[in-house]
Amino acid sequence: MPVHGFNHFNLRAPQPLLDRIRDFYVDVLGMKAGWRPPFPFPGYWLYLEEHAILHLVEAP
């Protein structure tokens, strides 16, 4: 199920869910996990083509 449009979202979730959420967007929607600045908290940046579209970060 390819994604054709998305415009910069940030999702927060508890640490145990971050990998599962990443896997859904990568495996089901075809996004790619990519470069993310070295922030002092866990998270992922997911890309469509060369654009960082979705940021996943740990909820406090």
Protein backbone atom coordinates (compact mmCIF):
# COMPACT_ATOMS: atom_id res chain seq x y z
CA MET A 1 0.00 0.00 0.00
CA PRO A 2 2.15 2.93 -1.19
CA VAL A 3 1.75 6.40 0.24
CA HIS A 4 1.34 9.16 -2.33
CA GLY A 5 1.16 12.16 -0.05
CA PHE A 6 2.06 13.11 3.48
CA ASN A 7 3.23 16.40 4.95
CA HIS A 8 5.48 16.41 8.00
CA PHE A 9 3.95 14.71 11.00
CA ASN A 10 5.31 14.02 14.48
CA LEU A 11 4.03 11.05 16.46
CA ARG A 12 4.89 10.47 20.11
CA ALA A 13 4.67 7.06 21.75
CA PRO A 14 6.14 5.20 24.71
CA GLN A 15 9.55 3.68 23.98
CA PRO A 16 8.27 0.06 23.72
CA LEU A 17 5.98 1.05 20.83
CA LEU A 18 8.44 3.08 18.73
CA ASP A 19 9.88 0.09 16.88
CA ARG A 20 6.43 -1.35 16.18
CA ILE A 21 5.18 1.96 14.80
CA ARG A 22 8.32 2.32 12.67
CA ASP A 23 7.86 -1.20 11.33
CA PHE A 24 4.27 -0.46 10.31
CA TYR A 25 5.20 2.65 8.33
CA VAL A 26 8.20 0.96 6.73
CA ASP A 27 6.75 -2.51 6.03
CA VAL A 28 3.15 -1.60 5.21
CA LEU A 29 3.36 1.91 3.77
CA GLY A 30 6.79 1.67 2.18
CA MET A 31 8.51 4.52 3.99
CA LYS A 32 12.26 4.33 4.75
CA ALA A 33 13.93 4.92 8.11
CA GLY A 34 16.76 7.38 7.58
CA TRP A 35 19.11 9.96 9.02
CA ARG A 36 18.05 11.72 12.19
CA PRO A 37 20.04 14.33 14.14
CA PRO A 38 21.65 13.04 17.36
CA PHE A 39 18.88 14.16 19.69
CA PRO A 40 19.19 13.11 23.36
CA PHE A 41 16.01 11.01 23.18
CA PRO A 42 14.95 7.94 21.16
CA GLY A 43 13.17 8.27 17.86
CA TYR A 44 13.16 7.77 14.10
CA TRP A 45 12.77 9.91 11.02
CA LEU A 46 10.87 8.23 8.21
CA TYR A 47 11.27 9.32 4.62
CA LEU A 48 9.31 9.28 1.37
CA GLU A 49 11.91 9.61 -1.37
CA GLU A 50 14.39 12.18 -0.01
CA HIS A 51 11.93 13.98 2.27
CA ALA A 52 11.77 13.40 6.03
CA ILE A 53 8.00 13.19 6.39
CA LEU A 54 7.29 11.47 9.69
CA HIS A 55 9.12 11.90 12.98
CA LEU A 56 8.61 9.31 15.70
CA VAL A 57 9.73 10.32 19.19
CA GLU A 58 9.50 8.92 22.67
CA ALA A 59 6.63 10.26 24.77
CA PRO A 60 7.67 11.20 28.29
